[in-house]
Amino acid sequence: MNGRLIAIGDIHGCHHEFAELLARLSPGRDDRIILLGDLINRGPDSLRVIEIARENRLISLLGNHELRLLKFHRTGDRKWLKEGDEATLAKFQSADWAYLEGMLLTFEEPTLNTVFVHGGFLPDQPWQKQPAEIVTRIQVIDADGKPAKRADAATAPPWADLWSGPPFVVYGHTPRPEIYKLKWSVGIDTGCVLGGHLTAYELTEKRFTQVKARQRYWP
């Protein structure tokens, strides 16, 4: 592959920033762009984000927001829904559901010894065998060694702090004001929907490109 390999963090319906970031990256035919999940919800237009991704033939990973909507779609059980999901669901058509169904859980690039994922991994288990419930949702590792949300275990270490590789992991899901770069991982959810930035990371060049959010969209 001669083209670039580029990851983009959580978009959450921020279609203007997404379009602007793609324009700045100016992808060529051989470039591959991986969206790290949570394309939808919270921001102004989830469907437009999916449309842009589809039009540009981008690779999309499953985020916890997509996983939740898919569970509802498959079961009809409203227990999977959270506030804000209804607005997205109301506009979804069959092509949008098909796009979500086609999302990958992880994407591996062996030549760069790198794996892309939405949330992350438990460090003491083979990454390939970890289920969607873990890899789309993990933020920290609690005192029992279990995956948890930051909100539920405020003093627990981020999973990335305990990940010693290989592989190198590129992930989103945990919004931070700044890029979170460690020896064996990089977190690029810089909270666009919260008024932060939408971040892209070009792997071979190890270059970051950011677009500032036009406003704080959520909460």
C-alpha atoms as a PDB file:
ATOM      1  CA  MET A   1       0.000   0.000   0.000  1.00  0.00           C
ATOM      2  CA  ASN A   2       1.447   3.347  -1.068  1.00  0.00           C
ATOM      3  CA  GLY A   3      -1.321   5.518   0.321  1.00  0.00           C
ATOM      4  CA  ARG A   4      -1.661   7.030   3.766  1.00  0.00           C
ATOM      5  CA  LEU A   5      -3.396   5.312   6.664  1.00  0.00           C
ATOM      6  CA  ILE A   6      -5.403   7.849   8.658  1.00  0.00           C
ATOM      7  CA  ALA A   7      -7.566   7.508  11.763  1.00  0.00           C
ATOM      8  CA  ILE A   8     -10.297   9.982  12.742  1.00  0.00           C
ATOM      9  CA  GLY A   9     -11.681  10.226  16.284  1.00  0.00           C
ATOM     10  CA  ASP A  10     -15.295  10.344  17.506  1.00  0.00           C
ATOM     11  CA  ILE A  11     -17.436  12.520  15.219  1.00  0.00           C
ATOM     12  CA  HIS A  12     -20.796  12.329  17.067  1.00  0.00           C
ATOM     13  CA  GLY A  13     -22.845  13.961  14.320  1.00  0.00           C
ATOM     14  CA  CYS A  14     -20.485  16.938  13.837  1.00  0.00           C
ATOM     15  CA  HIS A  15     -20.787  16.871  10.055  1.00  0.00           C
ATOM     16  CA  HIS A  16     -19.372  20.357   9.356  1.00  0.00           C
ATOM     17  CA  GLU A  17     -16.161  19.600  11.232  1.00  0.00           C
ATOM     18  CA  PHE A  18     -15.963  16.150   9.613  1.00  0.00           C
ATOM     19  CA  ALA A  19     -16.280  17.612   6.110  1.00  0.00           C
ATOM     20  CA  GLU A  20     -13.718  20.306   6.911  1.00  0.00           C
ATOM     21  CA  LEU A  21     -11.251  17.753   8.284  1.00  0.00           C
ATOM     22  CA  LEU A  22     -11.593  15.574   5.170  1.00  0.00           C
ATOM     23  CA  ALA A  23     -11.024  18.626   2.973  1.00  0.00           C
ATOM     24  CA  ARG A  24      -7.838  19.432   4.893  1.00  0.00           C
ATOM     25  CA  LEU A  25      -6.619  15.835   4.641  1.00  0.00           C
ATOM     26  CA  SER A  26      -7.446  15.787   0.914  1.00  0.00           C
ATOM     27  CA  PRO A  27      -7.429  11.980   0.679  1.00  0.00           C
ATOM     28  CA  GLY A  28      -6.182  10.344  -2.498  1.00  0.00           C
ATOM     29  CA  ARG A  29      -7.388   7.149  -4.113  1.00  0.00           C
ATOM     30  CA  ASP A  30      -4.836   4.969  -2.286  1.00  0.00           C
ATOM     31  CA  ASP A  31      -5.401   6.488   1.151  1.00  0.00           C
ATOM     32  CA  ARG A  32      -7.336   4.530   3.761  1.00  0.00           C
ATOM     33  CA  ILE A  33      -9.311   6.378   6.417  1.00  0.00           C
ATOM     34  CA  ILE A  34     -10.528   4.602   9.536  1.00  0.00           C
ATOM     35  CA  LEU A  35     -13.336   6.203  11.559  1.00  0.00           C
ATOM     36  CA  LEU A  36     -12.962   5.097  15.175  1.00  0.00           C
ATOM     37  CA  GLY A  37     -16.689   4.719  15.959  1.00  0.00           C
ATOM     38  CA  ASP A  38     -19.367   6.922  17.541  1.00  0.00           C
ATOM     39  CA  LEU A  39     -20.161   8.609  14.251  1.00  0.00           C
ATOM     40  CA  ILE A  40     -23.656   9.271  15.575  1.00  0.00           C
ATOM     41  CA  ASN A  41     -25.692  10.913  18.371  1.00  0.00           C
ATOM     42  CA  ARG A  42     -25.276  14.104  20.425  1.00  0.00           C
ATOM     43  CA  GLY A  43     -24.210  16.347  17.526  1.00  0.00           C
ATOM     44  CA  PRO A  44     -26.262  18.142  14.874  1.00  0.00           C
ATOM     45  CA  ASP A  45     -26.620  15.565  12.047  1.00  0.00           C
ATOM     46  CA  SER A  46     -25.743  11.888  12.474  1.00  0.00           C
ATOM     47  CA  LEU A  47     -27.171  10.901   9.090  1.00  0.00           C
ATOM     48  CA  ARG A  48     -25.056  13.429   7.218  1.00  0.00           C
ATOM     49  CA  VAL A  49     -21.955  11.962   8.898  1.00  0.00           C
ATOM     50  CA  ILE A  50     -22.932   8.466   7.741  1.00  0.00           C
ATOM     51  CA  GLU A  51     -23.612   9.854   4.252  1.00  0.00           C
ATOM     52  CA  ILE A  52     -20.159  11.461   4.048  1.00  0.00           C
ATOM     53  CA  ALA A  53     -18.534   8.253   5.274  1.00  0.00           C
ATOM     54  CA  ARG A  54     -20.425   6.230   2.680  1.00  0.00           C
ATOM     55  CA  GLU A  55     -19.710   8.656  -0.180  1.00  0.00           C
ATOM     56  CA  ASN A  56     -15.985   8.592   0.589  1.00  0.00           C
ATOM     57  CA  ARG A  57     -15.885   4.802   1.127  1.00  0.00           C
ATOM     58  CA  LEU A  58     -14.326   5.171   4.556  1.00  0.00           C
ATOM     59  CA  ILE A  59     -13.783   2.250   6.933  1.00  0.00           C
ATOM     60  CA  SER A  60     -15.905   2.605  10.056  1.00  0.00           C
ATOM     61  CA  LEU A  61     -15.449   0.880  13.394  1.00  0.00           C
ATOM     62  CA  LEU A  62     -18.258   0.052  15.786  1.00  0.00           C
ATOM     63  CA  GLY A  63     -18.655   2.464  18.683  1.00  0.00           C
ATOM     64  CA  ASN A  64     -20.760   2.029  21.790  1.00  0.00           C
ATOM     65  CA  HIS A  65     -23.414   4.375  20.352  1.00  0.00           C
ATOM     66  CA  GLU A  66     -23.773   2.314  17.174  1.00  0.00           C
ATOM     67  CA  LEU A  67     -23.724  -0.937  19.172  1.00  0.00           C
ATOM     68  CA  ARG A  68     -26.582   0.255  21.370  1.00  0.00           C
ATOM     69  CA  LEU A  69     -28.752   1.256  18.418  1.00  0.00           C
ATOM     70  CA  LEU A  70     -28.034  -2.027  16.651  1.00  0.00           C
ATOM     71  CA  LYS A  71     -29.096  -3.964  19.755  1.00  0.00           C
ATOM     72  CA  PHE A  72     -32.385  -2.083  19.781  1.00  0.00           C
ATOM     73  CA  HIS A  73     -32.819  -2.607  16.028  1.00  0.00           C
ATOM     74  CA  ARG A  74     -32.247  -6.363  16.365  1.00  0.00           C
ATOM     75  CA  THR A  75     -34.361  -6.929  19.478  1.00  0.00           C
ATOM     76  CA  GLY A  76     -36.912  -4.113  19.605  1.00  0.00           C
ATOM     77  CA  ASP A  77     -36.064  -3.814  23.321  1.00  0.00           C
ATOM     78  CA  ARG A  78     -36.056  -0.165  24.390  1.00  0.00           C
ATOM     79  CA  LYS A  79     -33.791  -0.875  27.359  1.00  0.00           C
ATOM     80  CA  TRP A  80     -30.843  -0.311  25.010  1.00  0.00           C
ATOM     81  CA  LEU A  81     -31.868   3.264  24.232  1.00  0.00           C
ATOM     82  CA  LYS A  82     -30.593   6.370  25.986  1.00  0.00           C
ATOM     83  CA  GLU A  83     -31.529  10.027  25.860  1.00  0.00           C
ATOM     84  CA  GLY A  84     -30.794  11.439  22.417  1.00  0.00           C
ATOM     85  CA  ASP A  85     -31.080   8.102  20.613  1.00  0.00           C
ATOM     86  CA  GLU A  86     -34.674   8.760  19.580  1.00  0.00           C
ATOM     87  CA  ALA A  87     -33.734  11.747  17.425  1.00  0.00           C
ATOM     88  CA  THR A  88     -31.239   9.621  15.507  1.00  0.00           C
ATOM     89  CA  LEU A  89     -33.592   6.647  15.188  1.00  0.00           C
ATOM     90  CA  ALA A  90     -36.390   8.776  13.792  1.00  0.00           C
ATOM     91  CA  LYS A  91     -34.308   9.602  10.707  1.00  0.00           C
ATOM     92  CA  PHE A  92     -32.657   6.237  10.096  1.00  0.00           C
ATOM     93  CA  GLN A  93     -33.430   4.436   6.841  1.00  0.00           C
ATOM     94  CA  SER A  94     -32.462   0.968   5.648  1.00  0.00           C
ATOM     95  CA  ALA A  95     -29.183   2.162   4.096  1.00  0.00           C
ATOM     96  CA  ASP A  96     -28.137   3.663   7.431  1.00  0.00           C
ATOM     97  CA  TRP A  97     -28.858   0.439   9.284  1.00  0.00           C
ATOM     98  CA  ALA A  98     -26.915  -1.473   6.639  1.00  0.00           C
ATOM     99  CA  TYR A  99     -23.946   0.832   7.172  1.00  0.00           C
ATOM    100  CA  LEU A 100     -24.010   0.225  10.933  1.00  0.00           C
ATOM    101  CA  GLU A 101     -24.306  -3.532  10.398  1.00  0.00           C
ATOM    102  CA  GLY A 102     -21.178  -3.420   8.247  1.00  0.00           C
ATOM    103  CA  MET A 103     -19.001  -1.698  10.840  1.00  0.00           C
ATOM    104  CA  LEU A 104     -15.912  -3.587  11.987  1.00  0.00           C
ATOM    105  CA  LEU A 105     -15.050  -4.205  15.626  1.00  0.00           C
ATOM    106  CA  THR A 106     -11.330  -3.695  15.065  1.00  0.00           C
ATOM    107  CA  PHE A 107      -9.032  -3.018  12.137  1.00  0.00           C
ATOM    108  CA  GLU A 108      -5.488  -4.360  12.076  1.00  0.00           C
ATOM    109  CA  GLU A 109      -2.575  -3.151   9.976  1.00  0.00           C
ATOM    110  CA  PRO A 110       0.119  -5.796  10.537  1.00  0.00           C
ATOM    111  CA  THR A 111       2.794  -3.948   8.554  1.00  0.00           C
ATOM    112  CA  LEU A 112       2.639  -1.143  11.141  1.00  0.00           C
ATOM    113  CA  ASN A 113       1.987  -3.484  14.083  1.00  0.00           C
ATOM    114  CA  THR A 114      -1.108  -1.358  14.776  1.00  0.00           C
ATOM    115  CA  VAL A 115      -4.726  -2.039  15.713  1.00  0.00           C
ATOM    116  CA  PHE A 116      -7.602   0.439  15.571  1.00  0.00           C
ATOM    117  CA  VAL A 117     -10.530   0.164  18.000  1.00  0.00           C
ATOM    118  CA  HIS A 118     -13.227   2.414  19.412  1.00  0.00           C
ATOM    119  CA  GLY A 119     -12.670   2.075  23.147  1.00  0.00           C
ATOM    120  CA  GLY A 120      -9.666  -0.083  23.951  1.00  0.00           C
ATOM    121  CA  PHE A 121      -8.593  -3.400  25.409  1.00  0.00           C
ATOM    122  CA  LEU A 122      -7.974  -5.200  28.672  1.00  0.00           C
ATOM    123  CA  PRO A 123      -4.193  -5.585  28.871  1.00  0.00           C
ATOM    124  CA  ASP A 124      -4.143  -9.128  30.275  1.00  0.00           C
ATOM    125  CA  GLN A 125      -6.109 -10.838  27.490  1.00  0.00           C
ATOM    126  CA  PRO A 126      -5.485 -11.362  23.745  1.00  0.00           C
ATOM    127  CA  TRP A 127      -6.971  -8.308  22.048  1.00  0.00           C
ATOM    128  CA  GLN A 128      -8.451 -10.407  19.207  1.00  0.00           C
ATOM    129  CA  LYS A 129     -10.708 -12.339  21.607  1.00  0.00           C
ATOM    130  CA  GLN A 130     -12.219  -9.431  23.520  1.00  0.00           C
ATOM    131  CA  PRO A 131     -15.947  -8.882  22.874  1.00  0.00           C
ATOM    132  CA  ALA A 132     -17.743  -5.789  21.626  1.00  0.00           C
ATOM    133  CA  GLU A 133     -19.050  -5.008  25.120  1.00  0.00           C
ATOM    134  CA  ILE A 134     -15.476  -4.494  26.302  1.00  0.00           C
ATOM    135  CA  VAL A 135     -13.700  -2.984  23.316  1.00  0.00           C
ATOM    136  CA  THR A 136     -16.378  -0.399  22.524  1.00  0.00           C
ATOM    137  CA  ARG A 137     -16.845   0.751  26.131  1.00  0.00           C
ATOM    138  CA  ILE A 138     -13.677   0.402  28.209  1.00  0.00           C
ATOM    139  CA  GLN A 139     -12.146   3.601  29.558  1.00  0.00           C
ATOM    140  CA  VAL A 140     -10.457   2.607  32.810  1.00  0.00           C
ATOM    141  CA  ILE A 141      -9.618  -0.598  34.675  1.00  0.00           C
ATOM    142  CA  ASP A 142     -11.113  -0.828  38.163  1.00  0.00           C
ATOM    143  CA  ALA A 143      -9.633  -2.316  41.329  1.00  0.00           C
ATOM    144  CA  ASP A 144     -10.973  -5.772  40.374  1.00  0.00           C
ATOM    145  CA  GLY A 145      -9.246  -5.642  36.983  1.00  0.00           C
ATOM    146  CA  LYS A 146     -12.535  -5.158  35.166  1.00  0.00           C
ATOM    147  CA  PRO A 147     -13.307  -2.621  32.414  1.00  0.00           C
ATOM    148  CA  ALA A 148     -15.195   0.440  33.628  1.00  0.00           C
ATOM    149  CA  LYS A 149     -16.294   3.946  32.693  1.00  0.00           C
ATOM    150  CA  ARG A 150     -14.365   6.890  34.112  1.00  0.00           C
ATOM    151  CA  ALA A 151     -17.574   8.116  35.736  1.00  0.00           C
ATOM    152  CA  ASP A 152     -17.945   4.857  37.690  1.00  0.00           C
ATOM    153  CA  ALA A 153     -14.315   4.538  38.827  1.00  0.00           C
ATOM    154  CA  ALA A 154     -12.890   8.035  39.113  1.00  0.00           C
ATOM    155  CA  THR A 155      -9.514   7.024  40.554  1.00  0.00           C
ATOM    156  CA  ALA A 156      -8.953   3.985  38.313  1.00  0.00           C
ATOM    157  CA  PRO A 157      -6.139   4.104  35.728  1.00  0.00           C
ATOM    158  CA  PRO A 158      -6.937   4.440  32.024  1.00  0.00           C
ATOM    159  CA  TRP A 159      -6.586   1.091  30.262  1.00  0.00           C
ATOM    160  CA  ALA A 160      -3.946   2.658  28.004  1.00  0.00           C
ATOM    161  CA  ASP A 161      -1.702   3.359  30.997  1.00  0.00           C
ATOM    162  CA  LEU A 162      -1.553  -0.405  31.618  1.00  0.00           C
ATOM    163  CA  TRP A 163      -1.231  -1.446  27.950  1.00  0.00           C
ATOM    164  CA  SER A 164       2.365  -2.387  27.164  1.00  0.00           C
ATOM    165  CA  GLY A 165       1.844  -3.659  23.606  1.00  0.00           C
ATOM    166  CA  PRO A 166       2.376  -4.878  21.032  1.00  0.00           C
ATOM    167  CA  PRO A 167       0.371  -3.961  19.041  1.00  0.00           C
ATOM    168  CA  PHE A 168       0.229  -0.179  19.024  1.00  0.00           C
ATOM    169  CA  VAL A 169      -3.430   0.849  19.537  1.00  0.00           C
ATOM    170  CA  VAL A 170      -5.222   3.843  18.018  1.00  0.00           C
ATOM    171  CA  TYR A 171      -8.522   4.543  19.787  1.00  0.00           C
ATOM    172  CA  GLY A 172     -11.249   7.066  20.594  1.00  0.00           C
ATOM    173  CA  HIS A 173     -14.183   6.921  23.052  1.00  0.00           C
ATOM    174  CA  THR A 174     -12.524   8.653  26.024  1.00  0.00           C
ATOM    175  CA  PRO A 175     -12.774  12.394  25.338  1.00  0.00           C
ATOM    176  CA  ARG A 176      -9.864  14.502  26.519  1.00  0.00           C
ATOM    177  CA  PRO A 177      -8.866  18.118  25.862  1.00  0.00           C
ATOM    178  CA  GLU A 178      -5.566  16.923  24.375  1.00  0.00           C
ATOM    179  CA  ILE A 179      -4.344  13.945  22.330  1.00  0.00           C
ATOM    180  CA  TYR A 180      -3.290  11.148  24.723  1.00  0.00           C
ATOM    181  CA  LYS A 181      -0.065   9.731  23.268  1.00  0.00           C
ATOM    182  CA  LEU A 182       1.801   6.947  25.032  1.00  0.00           C
ATOM    183  CA  LYS A 183       4.496   4.511  23.874  1.00  0.00           C
ATOM    184  CA  TRP A 184       1.985   1.847  22.780  1.00  0.00           C
ATOM    185  CA  SER A 185      -1.197   3.807  22.126  1.00  0.00           C
ATOM    186  CA  VAL A 186      -2.749   7.088  21.107  1.00  0.00           C
ATOM    187  CA  GLY A 187      -6.211   8.348  22.085  1.00  0.00           C
ATOM    188  CA  ILE A 188      -7.641  10.838  19.589  1.00  0.00           C
ATOM    189  CA  ASP A 189     -11.125  11.584  20.920  1.00  0.00           C
ATOM    190  CA  THR A 190     -10.582  15.264  21.611  1.00  0.00           C
ATOM    191  CA  GLY A 191     -14.239  16.001  22.312  1.00  0.00           C
ATOM    192  CA  CYS A 192     -15.463  17.709  19.140  1.00  0.00           C
ATOM    193  CA  VAL A 193     -19.115  17.438  20.219  1.00  0.00           C
ATOM    194  CA  LEU A 194     -18.138  18.949  23.595  1.00  0.00           C
ATOM    195  CA  GLY A 195     -16.684  22.005  21.871  1.00  0.00           C
ATOM    196  CA  GLY A 196     -13.157  20.587  21.520  1.00  0.00           C
ATOM    197  CA  HIS A 197     -11.527  19.367  18.322  1.00  0.00           C
ATOM    198  CA  LEU A 198     -12.006  16.645  15.719  1.00  0.00           C
ATOM    199  CA  THR A 199      -8.640  14.925  15.350  1.00  0.00           C
ATOM    200  CA  ALA A 200      -7.049  12.877  12.580  1.00  0.00           C
ATOM    201  CA  TYR A 201      -3.824  10.896  12.935  1.00  0.00           C
ATOM    202  CA  GLU A 202      -1.755   9.913   9.900  1.00  0.00           C
ATOM    203  CA  LEU A 203       0.146   6.828  10.948  1.00  0.00           C
ATOM    204  CA  THR A 204       3.167   6.598   8.691  1.00  0.00           C
ATOM    205  CA  GLU A 205       3.865  10.342   9.003  1.00  0.00           C
ATOM    206  CA  LYS A 206       2.870  10.373  12.714  1.00  0.00           C
ATOM    207  CA  ARG A 207       1.107  13.645  11.983  1.00  0.00           C
ATOM    208  CA  PHE A 208      -2.005  15.065  13.641  1.00  0.00           C
ATOM    209  CA  THR A 209      -4.566  17.310  11.955  1.00  0.00           C
ATOM    210  CA  GLN A 210      -7.295  19.015  13.975  1.00  0.00           C
ATOM    211  CA  VAL A 211     -10.430  21.036  13.294  1.00  0.00           C
ATOM    212  CA  LYS A 212     -11.869  23.155  16.081  1.00  0.00           C
ATOM    213  CA  ALA A 213     -15.556  22.573  16.859  1.00  0.00           C
ATOM    214  CA  ARG A 214     -17.820  25.385  15.675  1.00  0.00           C
ATOM    215  CA  GLN A 215     -19.580  25.298  19.044  1.00  0.00           C
ATOM    216  CA  ARG A 216     -20.305  23.079  22.014  1.00  0.00           C
ATOM    217  CA  TYR A 217     -23.135  20.804  20.786  1.00  0.00           C
ATOM    218  CA  TRP A 218     -23.594  18.616  23.863  1.00  0.00           C
ATOM    219  CA  PRO A 219     -24.656  18.618  26.621  1.00  0.00           C
END
